Amino acid sequence: MLAYESEAFLPVEVALHTQSLTTFQEELKYATLREALDLLPAVRGDALLRAALYKLRIARLHDRAVKL
């Protein structure tokens, strides 16, 4: 989750007042941010498990390639 799913605007979008900038709803964004922060421990746990599985796979591939 990139920066807690924050909406990012390019300087060009701000200067030109693009559609995404004009329809931006600040209160809705704060509600979404609060919800995302509530889910953060679960997201971190999932990321930790994925990293551990990745390291395990890499170790297995390495051990297969290394000859004693």
N, C-alpha and C. Protein backbone atom coordinates (compact mmCIF):
# COMPACT_ATOMS: atom_id res chain seq x y z
N MET A 1 0.86 -1.17 0.00
CA MET A 1 0.00 0.00 0.00
C MET A 1 0.91 1.23 0.00
N LEU A 2 0.90 1.92 -1.05
CA LEU A 2 1.77 3.07 -1.22
C LEU A 2 1.26 4.25 -0.41
N ALA A 3 1.98 4.60 0.64
CA ALA A 3 1.65 5.75 1.50
C ALA A 3 0.20 5.71 1.96
N TYR A 4 -0.22 4.52 2.40
CA TYR A 4 -1.58 4.32 2.91
C TYR A 4 -2.64 4.69 1.89
N GLU A 5 -2.36 4.41 0.65
CA GLU A 5 -3.27 4.67 -0.46
C GLU A 5 -3.63 6.14 -0.60
N SER A 6 -2.69 7.01 -0.31
CA SER A 6 -2.94 8.45 -0.43
C SER A 6 -3.03 8.85 -1.89
N GLU A 7 -3.87 9.82 -2.15
CA GLU A 7 -4.01 10.34 -3.50
C GLU A 7 -2.84 11.27 -3.78
N ALA A 8 -2.16 11.04 -4.88
CA ALA A 8 -1.02 11.87 -5.25
C ALA A 8 -1.38 12.67 -6.49
N PHE A 9 -1.04 13.94 -6.48
CA PHE A 9 -1.28 14.81 -7.62
C PHE A 9 0.04 15.34 -8.14
N LEU A 10 0.18 15.36 -9.44
CA LEU A 10 1.35 15.94 -10.07
C LEU A 10 1.21 17.46 -10.08
N PRO A 11 2.32 18.19 -10.07
CA PRO A 11 2.22 19.66 -10.14
C PRO A 11 1.44 20.14 -11.36
N VAL A 12 1.54 19.42 -12.46
CA VAL A 12 0.80 19.79 -13.67
C VAL A 12 -0.70 19.68 -13.43
N GLU A 13 -1.12 18.64 -12.71
CA GLU A 13 -2.55 18.48 -12.41
C GLU A 13 -3.07 19.62 -11.56
N VAL A 14 -2.26 20.08 -10.62
CA VAL A 14 -2.67 21.19 -9.77
C VAL A 14 -2.77 22.48 -10.58
N ALA A 15 -1.82 22.71 -11.46
CA ALA A 15 -1.80 23.93 -12.27
C ALA A 15 -2.96 23.96 -13.27
N LEU A 16 -3.31 22.81 -13.82
CA LEU A 16 -4.35 22.76 -14.85
C LEU A 16 -5.74 22.47 -14.30
N HIS A 17 -5.85 22.19 -13.01
CA HIS A 17 -7.14 21.85 -12.38
C HIS A 17 -7.83 20.72 -13.14
N THR A 18 -7.20 19.57 -13.13
CA THR A 18 -7.72 18.41 -13.84
C THR A 18 -8.97 17.86 -13.16
N GLN A 19 -9.62 16.93 -13.81
CA GLN A 19 -10.86 16.33 -13.31
C GLN A 19 -10.66 15.67 -11.95
N SER A 20 -9.57 14.93 -11.78
CA SER A 20 -9.34 14.25 -10.50
C SER A 20 -9.13 15.24 -9.36
N LEU A 21 -8.58 16.38 -9.65
CA LEU A 21 -8.37 17.40 -8.62
C LEU A 21 -9.67 18.11 -8.27
N THR A 22 -10.50 18.38 -9.25
CA THR A 22 -11.74 19.11 -8.99
C THR A 22 -12.79 18.24 -8.30
N THR A 23 -12.72 16.92 -8.49
CA THR A 23 -13.71 16.03 -7.87
C THR A 23 -13.20 15.41 -6.57
N PHE A 24 -12.06 15.85 -6.09
CA PHE A 24 -11.47 15.31 -4.87
C PHE A 24 -12.33 15.69 -3.68
N GLN A 25 -12.71 14.67 -2.87
CA GLN A 25 -13.54 14.90 -1.68
C GLN A 25 -12.69 14.62 -0.45
N GLU A 26 -12.36 15.66 0.28
CA GLU A 26 -11.43 15.54 1.40
C GLU A 26 -12.00 14.68 2.53
N GLU A 27 -13.27 14.84 2.87
CA GLU A 27 -13.86 14.05 3.96
C GLU A 27 -13.90 12.57 3.61
N LEU A 28 -14.23 12.25 2.37
CA LEU A 28 -14.25 10.86 1.94
C LEU A 28 -12.84 10.27 2.00
N LYS A 29 -11.86 11.07 1.65
CA LYS A 29 -10.48 10.60 1.69
C LYS A 29 -10.04 10.32 3.12
N TYR A 30 -10.43 11.18 4.07
CA TYR A 30 -10.07 10.95 5.47
C TYR A 30 -10.74 9.70 6.01
N ALA A 31 -11.97 9.43 5.61
CA ALA A 31 -12.66 8.22 6.05
C ALA A 31 -11.95 6.99 5.49
N THR A 32 -11.55 7.06 4.25
CA THR A 32 -10.83 5.95 3.63
C THR A 32 -9.48 5.74 4.30
N LEU A 33 -8.81 6.83 4.64
CA LEU A 33 -7.52 6.74 5.31
C LEU A 33 -7.65 6.09 6.69
N ARG A 34 -8.69 6.48 7.44
CA ARG A 34 -8.91 5.87 8.75
C ARG A 34 -9.17 4.37 8.63
N GLU A 35 -9.94 3.98 7.62
CA GLU A 35 -10.22 2.57 7.40
C GLU A 35 -8.94 1.81 7.03
N ALA A 36 -8.12 2.42 6.19
CA ALA A 36 -6.87 1.78 5.80
C ALA A 36 -5.93 1.64 6.99
N LEU A 37 -5.92 2.63 7.88
CA LEU A 37 -5.07 2.54 9.06
C LEU A 37 -5.55 1.46 10.01
N ASP A 38 -6.85 1.21 10.05
CA ASP A 38 -7.38 0.12 10.87
C ASP A 38 -6.92 -1.23 10.35
N LEU A 39 -6.75 -1.33 9.04
CA LEU A 39 -6.35 -2.60 8.41
C LEU A 39 -4.84 -2.77 8.35
N LEU A 40 -4.10 -1.77 8.78
CA LEU A 40 -2.64 -1.78 8.65
C LEU A 40 -1.96 -2.98 9.32
N PRO A 41 -2.34 -3.38 10.54
CA PRO A 41 -1.68 -4.56 11.13
C PRO A 41 -1.84 -5.82 10.29
N ALA A 42 -2.99 -6.01 9.69
CA ALA A 42 -3.20 -7.18 8.83
C ALA A 42 -2.34 -7.09 7.58
N VAL A 43 -2.23 -5.91 7.01
CA VAL A 43 -1.41 -5.72 5.81
C VAL A 43 0.06 -5.99 6.13
N ARG A 44 0.51 -5.50 7.28
CA ARG A 44 1.90 -5.74 7.68
C ARG A 44 2.15 -7.22 7.91
N GLY A 45 1.19 -7.90 8.53
CA GLY A 45 1.34 -9.33 8.76
C GLY A 45 1.43 -10.10 7.45
N ASP A 46 0.60 -9.74 6.49
CA ASP A 46 0.65 -10.39 5.18
C ASP A 46 2.00 -10.15 4.50
N ALA A 47 2.50 -8.93 4.60
CA ALA A 47 3.79 -8.61 3.99
C ALA A 47 4.91 -9.40 4.66
N LEU A 48 4.83 -9.56 5.96
CA LEU A 48 5.84 -10.34 6.69
C LEU A 48 5.82 -11.80 6.25
N LEU A 49 4.63 -12.37 6.09
CA LEU A 49 4.53 -13.75 5.63
C LEU A 49 5.06 -13.92 4.21
N ARG A 50 4.71 -12.97 3.33
CA ARG A 50 5.21 -13.05 1.95
C ARG A 50 6.73 -12.97 1.91
N ALA A 51 7.31 -12.10 2.73
CA ALA A 51 8.77 -11.97 2.76
C ALA A 51 9.41 -13.25 3.28
N ALA A 52 8.83 -13.87 4.30
CA ALA A 52 9.38 -15.11 4.85
C ALA A 52 9.30 -16.23 3.82
N LEU A 53 8.18 -16.33 3.11
CA LEU A 53 8.04 -17.36 2.06
C LEU A 53 9.04 -17.14 0.94
N TYR A 54 9.23 -15.87 0.56
CA TYR A 54 10.19 -15.55 -0.49
C TYR A 54 11.60 -15.98 -0.08
N LYS A 55 11.99 -15.67 1.15
CA LYS A 55 13.32 -16.05 1.64
C LYS A 55 13.48 -17.56 1.68
N LEU A 56 12.42 -18.26 2.06
CA LEU A 56 12.47 -19.72 2.09
C LEU A 56 12.66 -20.31 0.69
N ARG A 57 11.93 -19.77 -0.28
CA ARG A 57 12.08 -20.24 -1.66
C ARG A 57 13.48 -19.98 -2.20
N ILE A 58 14.00 -18.80 -1.93
CA ILE A 58 15.34 -18.46 -2.38
C ILE A 58 16.37 -19.38 -1.74
N ALA A 59 16.21 -19.67 -0.46
CA ALA A 59 17.14 -20.57 0.23
C ALA A 59 17.09 -21.97 -0.37
N ARG A 60 15.90 -22.45 -0.69
CA ARG A 60 15.77 -23.78 -1.31
C ARG A 60 16.44 -23.83 -2.67
N LEU A 61 16.20 -22.78 -3.48
CA LEU A 61 16.84 -22.74 -4.80
C LEU A 61 18.35 -22.69 -4.68
N HIS A 62 18.85 -21.94 -3.74
CA HIS A 62 20.28 -21.84 -3.51
C HIS A 62 20.85 -23.20 -3.07
N ASP A 63 20.17 -23.85 -2.14
CA ASP A 63 20.66 -25.12 -1.64
C ASP A 63 20.67 -26.20 -2.73
N ARG A 64 19.75 -26.14 -3.67
CA ARG A 64 19.74 -27.09 -4.77
C ARG A 64 20.94 -26.86 -5.70
N ALA A 65 21.30 -25.60 -5.89
CA ALA A 65 22.37 -25.27 -6.84
C ALA A 65 23.75 -25.49 -6.24
N VAL A 66 23.87 -25.41 -4.94
CA VAL A 66 25.18 -25.56 -4.28
C VAL A 66 25.48 -27.03 -4.10
N LYS A 67 26.66 -27.43 -4.53
CA LYS A 67 27.08 -28.82 -4.37
C LYS A 67 28.02 -28.92 -3.18
N LEU A 68 27.79 -29.93 -2.38
CA LEU A 68 28.64 -30.13 -1.20
C LEU A 68 29.99 -30.71 -1.56
